[in-house]
Amino acid sequence: MRYTDRITLHKTLGRQYDPSQGKTVIAVDDGVVLPCNLSRLGIENTATAFGSVEKEIVVARLQFLYTDDVDKAVISDQKYKILKHIPHKRKSVFYLEGVDEWT
């Protein structure tokens, strides 16, 4: 398996209302950039795991175990929310759903 893609993992630091934008703004840390292997989850597996075929789920596999607490990700300037993090003995798997803005 090739780990040629890059994922930036972020943790939410807080939420604050910004009157100039008229909405709540999410503050995240600087993040950590890691090599990963990306693939899409099939329709049948999406329906089984998440109960809906409407979602498009991306699977990010890391080459090593990642134990920090994160809830947001960025891949190629596309924002994702982390639906599920599965730590294995020697590697980690993240199930991601693409979003326009973090909530």
PDB file of N, CA and C in Angstrom:
ATOM      1  N   MET A   1       0.846  -1.166   0.000  1.00  0.00           N
ATOM      2  CA  MET A   1       0.000   0.000   0.000  1.00  0.00           C
ATOM      3  C   MET A   1       0.898   1.238   0.000  1.00  0.00           C
ATOM      4  N   ARG A   2       0.576   2.201  -0.865  1.00  0.00           N
ATOM      5  CA  ARG A   2       1.381   3.409  -0.984  1.00  0.00           C
ATOM      6  C   ARG A   2       0.762   4.542  -0.175  1.00  0.00           C
ATOM      7  N   TYR A   3       1.583   5.254   0.552  1.00  0.00           N
ATOM      8  CA  TYR A   3       1.138   6.373   1.376  1.00  0.00           C
ATOM      9  C   TYR A   3       1.621   7.675   0.744  1.00  0.00           C
ATOM     10  N   THR A   4       1.060   7.983  -0.428  1.00  0.00           N
ATOM     11  CA  THR A   4       1.520   9.137  -1.204  1.00  0.00           C
ATOM     12  C   THR A   4       0.674  10.387  -0.989  1.00  0.00           C
ATOM     13  N   ASP A   5      -0.501  10.258  -0.380  1.00  0.00           N
ATOM     14  CA  ASP A   5      -1.364  11.418  -0.127  1.00  0.00           C
ATOM     15  C   ASP A   5      -0.992  12.057   1.210  1.00  0.00           C
ATOM     16  N   ARG A   6      -1.475  13.280   1.423  1.00  0.00           N
ATOM     17  CA  ARG A   6      -1.203  13.997   2.670  1.00  0.00           C
ATOM     18  C   ARG A   6      -2.522  14.422   3.307  1.00  0.00           C
ATOM     19  N   ILE A   7      -2.603  14.237   4.631  1.00  0.00           N
ATOM     20  CA  ILE A   7      -3.774  14.648   5.394  1.00  0.00           C
ATOM     21  C   ILE A   7      -3.292  15.543   6.533  1.00  0.00           C
ATOM     22  N   THR A   8      -4.045  16.611   6.801  1.00  0.00           N
ATOM     23  CA  THR A   8      -3.763  17.490   7.926  1.00  0.00           C
ATOM     24  C   THR A   8      -4.861  17.273   8.957  1.00  0.00           C
ATOM     25  N   LEU A   9      -4.485  16.834  10.141  1.00  0.00           N
ATOM     26  CA  LEU A   9      -5.443  16.557  11.205  1.00  0.00           C
ATOM     27  C   LEU A   9      -5.478  17.723  12.178  1.00  0.00           C
ATOM     28  N   HIS A  10      -6.699  18.153  12.546  1.00  0.00           N
ATOM     29  CA  HIS A  10      -6.897  19.303  13.423  1.00  0.00           C
ATOM     30  C   HIS A  10      -7.763  18.935  14.612  1.00  0.00           C
ATOM     31  N   LYS A  11      -7.571  19.689  15.701  1.00  0.00           N
ATOM     32  CA  LYS A  11      -8.408  19.573  16.885  1.00  0.00           C
ATOM     33  C   LYS A  11      -9.112  20.907  17.093  1.00  0.00           C
ATOM     34  N   THR A  12     -10.395  20.877  17.424  1.00  0.00           N
ATOM     35  CA  THR A  12     -11.157  22.093  17.670  1.00  0.00           C
ATOM     36  C   THR A  12     -10.741  22.700  18.996  1.00  0.00           C
ATOM     37  N   LEU A  13     -10.394  23.981  18.977  1.00  0.00           N
ATOM     38  CA  LEU A  13      -9.992  24.684  20.195  1.00  0.00           C
ATOM     39  C   LEU A  13     -11.155  25.422  20.827  1.00  0.00           C
ATOM     40  N   GLY A  14     -12.110  25.853  20.013  1.00  0.00           N
ATOM     41  CA  GLY A  14     -13.253  26.576  20.554  1.00  0.00           C
ATOM     42  C   GLY A  14     -14.119  27.140  19.448  1.00  0.00           C
ATOM     43  N   ARG A  15     -15.257  27.672  19.876  1.00  0.00           N
ATOM     44  CA  ARG A  15     -16.211  28.298  18.958  1.00  0.00           C
ATOM     45  C   ARG A  15     -16.527  29.686  19.488  1.00  0.00           C
ATOM     46  N   GLN A  16     -16.660  30.638  18.570  1.00  0.00           N
ATOM     47  CA  GLN A  16     -16.947  31.996  18.985  1.00  0.00           C
ATOM     48  C   GLN A  16     -17.754  32.687  17.894  1.00  0.00           C
ATOM     49  N   TYR A  17     -18.736  33.472  18.310  1.00  0.00           N
ATOM     50  CA  TYR A  17     -19.547  34.227  17.359  1.00  0.00           C
ATOM     51  C   TYR A  17     -18.748  35.411  16.847  1.00  0.00           C
ATOM     52  N   ASP A  18     -18.722  35.576  15.517  1.00  0.00           N
ATOM     53  CA  ASP A  18     -18.030  36.688  14.880  1.00  0.00           C
ATOM     54  C   ASP A  18     -19.083  37.623  14.301  1.00  0.00           C
ATOM     55  N   PRO A  19     -19.298  38.798  14.897  1.00  0.00           N
ATOM     56  CA  PRO A  19     -20.341  39.700  14.408  1.00  0.00           C
ATOM     57  C   PRO A  19     -20.077  40.243  13.003  1.00  0.00           C
ATOM     58  N   SER A  20     -18.809  40.347  12.603  1.00  0.00           N
ATOM     59  CA  SER A  20     -18.520  40.857  11.261  1.00  0.00           C
ATOM     60  C   SER A  20     -18.941  39.860  10.181  1.00  0.00           C
ATOM     61  N   GLN A  21     -18.848  38.544  10.478  1.00  0.00           N
ATOM     62  CA  GLN A  21     -19.288  37.521   9.532  1.00  0.00           C
ATOM     63  C   GLN A  21     -20.737  37.119   9.761  1.00  0.00           C
ATOM     64  N   GLY A  22     -21.253  37.401  10.959  1.00  0.00           N
ATOM     65  CA  GLY A  22     -22.635  37.052  11.270  1.00  0.00           C
ATOM     66  C   GLY A  22     -22.844  35.571  11.525  1.00  0.00           C
ATOM     67  N   LYS A  23     -21.799  34.862  11.956  1.00  0.00           N
ATOM     68  CA  LYS A  23     -21.926  33.431  12.221  1.00  0.00           C
ATOM     69  C   LYS A  23     -20.875  32.993  13.238  1.00  0.00           C
ATOM     70  N   THR A  24     -21.028  31.785  13.710  1.00  0.00           N
ATOM     71  CA  THR A  24     -20.075  31.215  14.649  1.00  0.00           C
ATOM     72  C   THR A  24     -18.853  30.709  13.894  1.00  0.00           C
ATOM     73  N   VAL A  25     -17.678  31.055  14.389  1.00  0.00           N
ATOM     74  CA  VAL A  25     -16.424  30.674  13.758  1.00  0.00           C
ATOM     75  C   VAL A  25     -15.755  29.607  14.618  1.00  0.00           C
ATOM     76  N   ILE A  26     -15.250  28.582  13.970  1.00  0.00           N
ATOM     77  CA  ILE A  26     -14.563  27.484  14.647  1.00  0.00           C
ATOM     78  C   ILE A  26     -13.073  27.785  14.671  1.00  0.00           C
ATOM     79  N   ALA A  27     -12.462  27.696  15.848  1.00  0.00           N
ATOM     80  CA  ALA A  27     -11.013  27.866  15.975  1.00  0.00           C
ATOM     81  C   ALA A  27     -10.377  26.485  16.087  1.00  0.00           C
ATOM     82  N   VAL A  28      -9.394  26.213  15.228  1.00  0.00           N
ATOM     83  CA  VAL A  28      -8.689  24.928  15.245  1.00  0.00           C
ATOM     84  C   VAL A  28      -7.207  25.181  15.434  1.00  0.00           C
ATOM     85  N   ASP A  29      -6.490  24.135  15.861  1.00  0.00           N
ATOM     86  CA  ASP A  29      -5.047  24.247  16.021  1.00  0.00           C
ATOM     87  C   ASP A  29      -4.364  24.241  14.655  1.00  0.00           C
ATOM     88  N   ASP A  30      -3.045  24.368  14.654  1.00  0.00           N
ATOM     89  CA  ASP A  30      -2.287  24.400  13.397  1.00  0.00           C
ATOM     90  C   ASP A  30      -2.357  23.080  12.649  1.00  0.00           C
ATOM     91  N   GLY A  31      -2.529  22.000  13.359  1.00  0.00           N
ATOM     92  CA  GLY A  31      -2.659  20.696  12.732  1.00  0.00           C
ATOM     93  C   GLY A  31      -1.321  20.037  12.488  1.00  0.00           C
ATOM     94  N   VAL A  32      -1.413  18.785  12.127  1.00  0.00           N
ATOM     95  CA  VAL A  32      -0.223  17.996  11.831  1.00  0.00           C
ATOM     96  C   VAL A  32      -0.426  17.334  10.464  1.00  0.00           C
ATOM     97  N   VAL A  33       0.573  17.467   9.592  1.00  0.00           N
ATOM     98  CA  VAL A  33       0.505  16.904   8.242  1.00  0.00           C
ATOM     99  C   VAL A  33       1.144  15.516   8.260  1.00  0.00           C
ATOM    100  N   LEU A  34       0.389  14.518   7.778  1.00  0.00           N
ATOM    101  CA  LEU A  34       0.864  13.138   7.812  1.00  0.00           C
ATOM    102  C   LEU A  34       0.656  12.468   6.458  1.00  0.00           C
ATOM    103  N   PRO A  35       1.537  11.527   6.089  1.00  0.00           N
ATOM    104  CA  PRO A  35       1.303  10.748   4.871  1.00  0.00           C
ATOM    105  C   PRO A  35       0.185   9.736   5.115  1.00  0.00           C
ATOM    106  N   CYS A  36      -0.620   9.492   4.076  1.00  0.00           N
ATOM    107  CA  CYS A  36      -1.734   8.558   4.221  1.00  0.00           C
ATOM    108  C   CYS A  36      -2.054   7.910   2.880  1.00  0.00           C
ATOM    109  N   ASN A  37      -2.903   6.913   2.938  1.00  0.00           N
ATOM    110  CA  ASN A  37      -3.457   6.266   1.761  1.00  0.00           C
ATOM    111  C   ASN A  37      -4.945   6.580   1.760  1.00  0.00           C
ATOM    112  N   LEU A  38      -5.446   7.169   0.679  1.00  0.00           N
ATOM    113  CA  LEU A  38      -6.849   7.553   0.589  1.00  0.00           C
ATOM    114  C   LEU A  38      -7.603   6.632  -0.350  1.00  0.00           C
ATOM    115  N   SER A  39      -8.847   6.320   0.026  1.00  0.00           N
ATOM    116  CA  SER A  39      -9.741   5.559  -0.843  1.00  0.00           C
ATOM    117  C   SER A  39     -11.169   5.930  -0.488  1.00  0.00           C
ATOM    118  N   ARG A  40     -12.083   5.611  -1.373  1.00  0.00           N
ATOM    119  CA  ARG A  40     -13.500   5.880  -1.138  1.00  0.00           C
ATOM    120  C   ARG A  40     -14.168   4.614  -0.638  1.00  0.00           C
ATOM    121  N   LEU A  41     -15.111   4.796   0.275  1.00  0.00           N
ATOM    122  CA  LEU A  41     -15.876   3.670   0.791  1.00  0.00           C
ATOM    123  C   LEU A  41     -17.018   3.399  -0.179  1.00  0.00           C
ATOM    124  N   GLY A  42     -17.229   2.144  -0.538  1.00  0.00           N
ATOM    125  CA  GLY A  42     -18.269   1.779  -1.492  1.00  0.00           C
ATOM    126  C   GLY A  42     -19.674   2.038  -0.961  1.00  0.00           C
ATOM    127  N   ILE A  43     -20.649   1.998  -1.860  1.00  0.00           N
ATOM    128  CA  ILE A  43     -22.045   2.290  -1.503  1.00  0.00           C
ATOM    129  C   ILE A  43     -22.583   1.281  -0.502  1.00  0.00           C
ATOM    130  N   GLU A  44     -22.321   0.003  -0.717  1.00  0.00           N
ATOM    131  CA  GLU A  44     -22.828  -1.027   0.189  1.00  0.00           C
ATOM    132  C   GLU A  44     -22.218  -0.886   1.582  1.00  0.00           C
ATOM    133  N   ASN A  45     -20.918  -0.650   1.649  1.00  0.00           N
ATOM    134  CA  ASN A  45     -20.268  -0.486   2.942  1.00  0.00           C
ATOM    135  C   ASN A  45     -20.709   0.794   3.645  1.00  0.00           C
ATOM    136  N   THR A  46     -20.974   1.858   2.883  1.00  0.00           N
ATOM    137  CA  THR A  46     -21.464   3.101   3.464  1.00  0.00           C
ATOM    138  C   THR A  46     -22.838   2.890   4.076  1.00  0.00           C
ATOM    139  N   ALA A  47     -23.708   2.190   3.363  1.00  0.00           N
ATOM    140  CA  ALA A  47     -25.049   1.918   3.887  1.00  0.00           C
ATOM    141  C   ALA A  47     -24.984   1.040   5.130  1.00  0.00           C
ATOM    142  N   THR A  48     -24.094   0.076   5.146  1.00  0.00           N
ATOM    143  CA  THR A  48     -23.969  -0.810   6.301  1.00  0.00           C
ATOM    144  C   THR A  48     -23.404  -0.079   7.513  1.00  0.00           C
ATOM    145  N   ALA A  49     -22.357   0.693   7.325  1.00  0.00           N
ATOM    146  CA  ALA A  49     -21.669   1.331   8.450  1.00  0.00           C
ATOM    147  C   ALA A  49     -22.346   2.609   8.931  1.00  0.00           C
ATOM    148  N   PHE A  50     -22.922   3.387   8.003  1.00  0.00           N
ATOM    149  CA  PHE A  50     -23.441   4.701   8.373  1.00  0.00           C
ATOM    150  C   PHE A  50     -24.937   4.861   8.108  1.00  0.00           C
ATOM    151  N   GLY A  51     -25.584   3.861   7.530  1.00  0.00           N
ATOM    152  CA  GLY A  51     -27.030   3.880   7.376  1.00  0.00           C
ATOM    153  C   GLY A  51     -27.562   4.735   6.256  1.00  0.00           C
ATOM    154  N   SER A  52     -26.715   5.269   5.405  1.00  0.00           N
ATOM    155  CA  SER A  52     -27.173   6.126   4.318  1.00  0.00           C
ATOM    156  C   SER A  52     -26.237   5.969   3.127  1.00  0.00           C
ATOM    157  N   VAL A  53     -26.821   5.922   1.936  1.00  0.00           N
ATOM    158  CA  VAL A  53     -26.002   5.890   0.726  1.00  0.00           C
ATOM    159  C   VAL A  53     -25.812   7.294   0.166  1.00  0.00           C
ATOM    160  N   GLU A  54     -26.412   8.288   0.816  1.00  0.00           N
ATOM    161  CA  GLU A  54     -26.289   9.679   0.367  1.00  0.00           C
ATOM    162  C   GLU A  54     -24.894  10.246   0.665  1.00  0.00           C
ATOM    163  N   LYS A  55     -24.253   9.740   1.691  1.00  0.00           N
ATOM    164  CA  LYS A  55     -22.953  10.263   2.095  1.00  0.00           C
ATOM    165  C   LYS A  55     -21.851   9.716   1.204  1.00  0.00           C
ATOM    166  N   GLU A  56     -20.847  10.535   0.984  1.00  0.00           N
ATOM    167  CA  GLU A  56     -19.647  10.075   0.300  1.00  0.00           C
ATOM    168  C   GLU A  56     -18.532  10.042   1.337  1.00  0.00           C
ATOM    169  N   ILE A  57     -18.093   8.847   1.678  1.00  0.00           N
ATOM    170  CA  ILE A  57     -17.132   8.644   2.751  1.00  0.00           C
ATOM    171  C   ILE A  57     -15.750   8.372   2.166  1.00  0.00           C
ATOM    172  N   VAL A  58     -14.749   9.058   2.705  1.00  0.00           N
ATOM    173  CA  VAL A  58     -13.359   8.852   2.319  1.00  0.00           C
ATOM    174  C   VAL A  58     -12.661   8.144   3.478  1.00  0.00           C
ATOM    175  N   VAL A  59     -11.860   7.145   3.148  1.00  0.00           N
ATOM    176  CA  VAL A  59     -11.109   6.398   4.149  1.00  0.00           C
ATOM    177  C   VAL A  59      -9.645   6.807   4.048  1.00  0.00           C
ATOM    178  N   ALA A  60      -9.082   7.278   5.169  1.00  0.00           N
ATOM    179  CA  ALA A  60      -7.674   7.659   5.229  1.00  0.00           C
ATOM    180  C   ALA A  60      -6.954   6.681   6.153  1.00  0.00           C
ATOM    181  N   ARG A  61      -5.977   5.993   5.606  1.00  0.00           N
ATOM    182  CA  ARG A  61      -5.197   5.021   6.382  1.00  0.00           C
ATOM    183  C   ARG A  61      -3.804   5.592   6.631  1.00  0.00           C
ATOM    184  N   LEU A  62      -3.411   5.609   7.899  1.00  0.00           N
ATOM    185  CA  LEU A  62      -2.076   6.058   8.272  1.00  0.00           C
ATOM    186  C   LEU A  62      -1.171   4.850   8.419  1.00  0.00           C
ATOM    187  N   GLN A  63       0.095   5.061   8.208  1.00  0.00           N
ATOM    188  CA  GLN A  63       1.071   3.978   8.244  1.00  0.00           C
ATOM    189  C   GLN A  63       1.429   3.577   9.677  1.00  0.00           C
ATOM    190  N   PHE A  64       1.057   4.402  10.645  1.00  0.00           N
ATOM    191  CA  PHE A  64       1.402   4.144  12.042  1.00  0.00           C
ATOM    192  C   PHE A  64       0.205   4.464  12.925  1.00  0.00           C
ATOM    193  N   LEU A  65       0.300   4.118  14.190  1.00  0.00           N
ATOM    194  CA  LEU A  65      -0.765   4.364  15.151  1.00  0.00           C
ATOM    195  C   LEU A  65      -0.781   5.834  15.536  1.00  0.00           C
ATOM    196  N   TYR A  66      -1.944   6.480  15.421  1.00  0.00           N
ATOM    197  CA  TYR A  66      -2.100   7.884  15.796  1.00  0.00           C
ATOM    198  C   TYR A  66      -3.063   7.929  16.976  1.00  0.00           C
ATOM    199  N   THR A  67      -2.613   8.466  18.115  1.00  0.00           N
ATOM    200  CA  THR A  67      -3.416   8.401  19.339  1.00  0.00           C
ATOM    201  C   THR A  67      -3.954   9.746  19.805  1.00  0.00           C
ATOM    202  N   ASP A  68      -3.541  10.857  19.201  1.00  0.00           N
ATOM    203  CA  ASP A  68      -4.044  12.162  19.633  1.00  0.00           C
ATOM    204  C   ASP A  68      -5.521  12.317  19.279  1.00  0.00           C
ATOM    205  N   ASP A  69      -6.198  13.182  20.036  1.00  0.00           N
ATOM    206  CA  ASP A  69      -7.622  13.424  19.838  1.00  0.00           C
ATOM    207  C   ASP A  69      -7.814  14.511  18.773  1.00  0.00           C
ATOM    208  N   VAL A  70      -8.367  14.144  17.621  1.00  0.00           N
ATOM    209  CA  VAL A  70      -8.636  15.083  16.530  1.00  0.00           C
ATOM    210  C   VAL A  70     -10.079  14.902  16.065  1.00  0.00           C
ATOM    211  N   ASP A  71     -10.656  15.957  15.476  1.00  0.00           N
ATOM    212  CA  ASP A  71     -12.029  15.851  14.999  1.00  0.00           C
ATOM    213  C   ASP A  71     -12.258  16.495  13.638  1.00  0.00           C
ATOM    214  N   LYS A  72     -11.217  17.069  13.048  1.00  0.00           N
ATOM    215  CA  LYS A  72     -11.328  17.693  11.736  1.00  0.00           C
ATOM    216  C   LYS A  72     -10.108  17.322  10.898  1.00  0.00           C
ATOM    217  N   ALA A  73     -10.277  17.357   9.570  1.00  0.00           N
ATOM    218  CA  ALA A  73      -9.175  17.028   8.672  1.00  0.00           C
ATOM    219  C   ALA A  73      -9.265  17.872   7.410  1.00  0.00           C
ATOM    220  N   VAL A  74      -8.125  18.054   6.767  1.00  0.00           N
ATOM    221  CA  VAL A  74      -8.052  18.762   5.485  1.00  0.00           C
ATOM    222  C   VAL A  74      -7.206  17.915   4.541  1.00  0.00           C
ATOM    223  N   ILE A  75      -7.752  17.698   3.334  1.00  0.00           N
ATOM    224  CA  ILE A  75      -7.030  16.997   2.280  1.00  0.00           C
ATOM    225  C   ILE A  75      -7.182  17.821   1.006  1.00  0.00           C
ATOM    226  N   SER A  76      -6.081  18.297   0.464  1.00  0.00           N
ATOM    227  CA  SER A  76      -6.079  19.097  -0.773  1.00  0.00           C
ATOM    228  C   SER A  76      -7.067  20.259  -0.696  1.00  0.00           C
ATOM    229  N   ASP A  77      -7.010  21.023   0.380  1.00  0.00           N
ATOM    230  CA  ASP A  77      -7.862  22.202   0.618  1.00  0.00           C
ATOM    231  C   ASP A  77      -9.340  21.867   0.768  1.00  0.00           C
ATOM    232  N   GLN A  78      -9.719  20.616   0.882  1.00  0.00           N
ATOM    233  CA  GLN A  78     -11.098  20.192   1.135  1.00  0.00           C
ATOM    234  C   GLN A  78     -11.228  19.857   2.614  1.00  0.00           C
ATOM    235  N   LYS A  79     -12.250  20.415   3.262  1.00  0.00           N
ATOM    236  CA  LYS A  79     -12.468  20.178   4.684  1.00  0.00           C
ATOM    237  C   LYS A  79     -13.294  18.917   4.894  1.00  0.00           C
ATOM    238  N   TYR A  80     -12.958  18.182   5.946  1.00  0.00           N
ATOM    239  CA  TYR A  80     -13.669  16.955   6.302  1.00  0.00           C
ATOM    240  C   TYR A  80     -13.920  16.937   7.797  1.00  0.00           C
ATOM    241  N   LYS A  81     -15.013  16.301   8.195  1.00  0.00           N
ATOM    242  CA  LYS A  81     -15.199  16.005   9.612  1.00  0.00           C
ATOM    243  C   LYS A  81     -14.932  14.523   9.792  1.00  0.00           C
ATOM    244  N   ILE A  82     -14.335  14.182  10.915  1.00  0.00           N
ATOM    245  CA  ILE A  82     -13.975  12.796  11.187  1.00  0.00           C
ATOM    246  C   ILE A  82     -15.182  12.097  11.793  1.00  0.00           C
ATOM    247  N   LEU A  83     -15.694  11.113  11.075  1.00  0.00           N
ATOM    248  CA  LEU A  83     -16.840  10.349  11.561  1.00  0.00           C
ATOM    249  C   LEU A  83     -16.424   9.256  12.531  1.00  0.00           C
ATOM    250  N   LYS A  84     -15.299   8.619  12.229  1.00  0.00           N
ATOM    251  CA  LYS A  84     -14.860   7.497  13.049  1.00  0.00           C
ATOM    252  C   LYS A  84     -13.347   7.365  12.955  1.00  0.00           C
ATOM    253  N   HIS A  85     -12.723   7.116  14.092  1.00  0.00           N
ATOM    254  CA  HIS A  85     -11.282   6.857  14.139  1.00  0.00           C
ATOM    255  C   HIS A  85     -11.098   5.469  14.723  1.00  0.00           C
ATOM    256  N   ILE A  86     -10.448   4.597  13.961  1.00  0.00           N
ATOM    257  CA  ILE A  86     -10.222   3.239  14.410  1.00  0.00           C
ATOM    258  C   ILE A  86      -8.717   3.029  14.562  1.00  0.00           C
ATOM    259  N   PRO A  87      -8.232   2.986  15.817  1.00  0.00           N
ATOM    260  CA  PRO A  87      -6.814   2.698  16.032  1.00  0.00           C
ATOM    261  C   PRO A  87      -6.586   1.192  16.067  1.00  0.00           C
ATOM    262  N   HIS A  88      -5.681   0.728  15.243  1.00  0.00           N
ATOM    263  CA  HIS A  88      -5.286  -0.673  15.251  1.00  0.00           C
ATOM    264  C   HIS A  88      -3.965  -0.795  16.008  1.00  0.00           C
ATOM    265  N   LYS A  89      -3.378  -1.966  16.019  1.00  0.00           N
ATOM    266  CA  LYS A  89      -2.122  -2.160  16.752  1.00  0.00           C
ATOM    267  C   LYS A  89      -0.998  -1.299  16.201  1.00  0.00           C
ATOM    268  N   ARG A  90      -0.881  -1.242  14.881  1.00  0.00           N
ATOM    269  CA  ARG A  90       0.250  -0.524  14.282  1.00  0.00           C
ATOM    270  C   ARG A  90      -0.156   0.587  13.330  1.00  0.00           C
ATOM    271  N   LYS A  91      -1.443   0.790  13.099  1.00  0.00           N
ATOM    272  CA  LYS A  91      -1.866   1.844  12.172  1.00  0.00           C
ATOM    273  C   LYS A  91      -3.207   2.401  12.612  1.00  0.00           C
ATOM    274  N   SER A  92      -3.608   3.510  11.993  1.00  0.00           N
ATOM    275  CA  SER A  92      -4.887   4.144  12.291  1.00  0.00           C
ATOM    276  C   SER A  92      -5.676   4.326  11.010  1.00  0.00           C
ATOM    277  N   VAL A  93      -6.999   4.246  11.131  1.00  0.00           N
ATOM    278  CA  VAL A  93      -7.898   4.446  10.002  1.00  0.00           C
ATOM    279  C   VAL A  93      -8.913   5.514  10.393  1.00  0.00           C
ATOM    280  N   PHE A  94      -9.112   6.500   9.503  1.00  0.00           N
ATOM    281  CA  PHE A  94     -10.082   7.567   9.722  1.00  0.00           C
ATOM    282  C   PHE A  94     -11.150   7.492   8.639  1.00  0.00           C
ATOM    283  N   TYR A  95     -12.426   7.568   9.043  1.00  0.00           N
ATOM    284  CA  TYR A  95     -13.537   7.665   8.108  1.00  0.00           C
ATOM    285  C   TYR A  95     -13.960   9.128   8.096  1.00  0.00           C
ATOM    286  N   LEU A  96     -13.927   9.748   6.917  1.00  0.00           N
ATOM    287  CA  LEU A  96     -14.130  11.185   6.775  1.00  0.00           C
ATOM    288  C   LEU A  96     -15.327  11.481   5.887  1.00  0.00           C
ATOM    289  N   GLU A  97     -16.043  12.544   6.239  1.00  0.00           N
ATOM    290  CA  GLU A  97     -17.138  13.034   5.409  1.00  0.00           C
ATOM    291  C   GLU A  97     -16.835  14.467   5.010  1.00  0.00           C
ATOM    292  N   GLY A  98     -16.873  14.762   3.723  1.00  0.00           N
ATOM    293  CA  GLY A  98     -16.581  16.096   3.232  1.00  0.00           C
ATOM    294  C   GLY A  98     -17.648  17.101   3.629  1.00  0.00           C
ATOM    295  N   VAL A  99     -17.236  18.312   4.034  1.00  0.00           N
ATOM    296  CA  VAL A  99     -18.145  19.374   4.422  1.00  0.00           C
ATOM    297  C   VAL A  99     -17.676  20.680   3.781  1.00  0.00           C
ATOM    298  N   ASP A 100     -18.615  21.620   3.606  1.00  0.00           N
ATOM    299  CA  ASP A 100     -18.250  22.931   3.084  1.00  0.00           C
ATOM    300  C   ASP A 100     -17.604  23.791   4.180  1.00  0.00           C
ATOM    301  N   GLU A 101     -18.204  23.727   5.379  1.00  0.00           N
ATOM    302  CA  GLU A 101     -17.660  24.476   6.523  1.00  0.00           C
ATOM    303  C   GLU A 101     -17.717  23.585   7.747  1.00  0.00           C
ATOM    304  N   TRP A 102     -16.749  23.767   8.644  1.00  0.00           N
ATOM    305  CA  TRP A 102     -16.756  23.020   9.882  1.00  0.00           C
ATOM    306  C   TRP A 102     -17.825  23.559  10.807  1.00  0.00           C
ATOM    307  N   THR A 103     -18.497  22.665  11.494  1.00  0.00           N
ATOM    308  CA  THR A 103     -19.513  23.082  12.467  1.00  0.00           C
ATOM    309  C   THR A 103     -19.167  22.574  13.839  1.00  0.00           C
TER     310      THR A 103
END
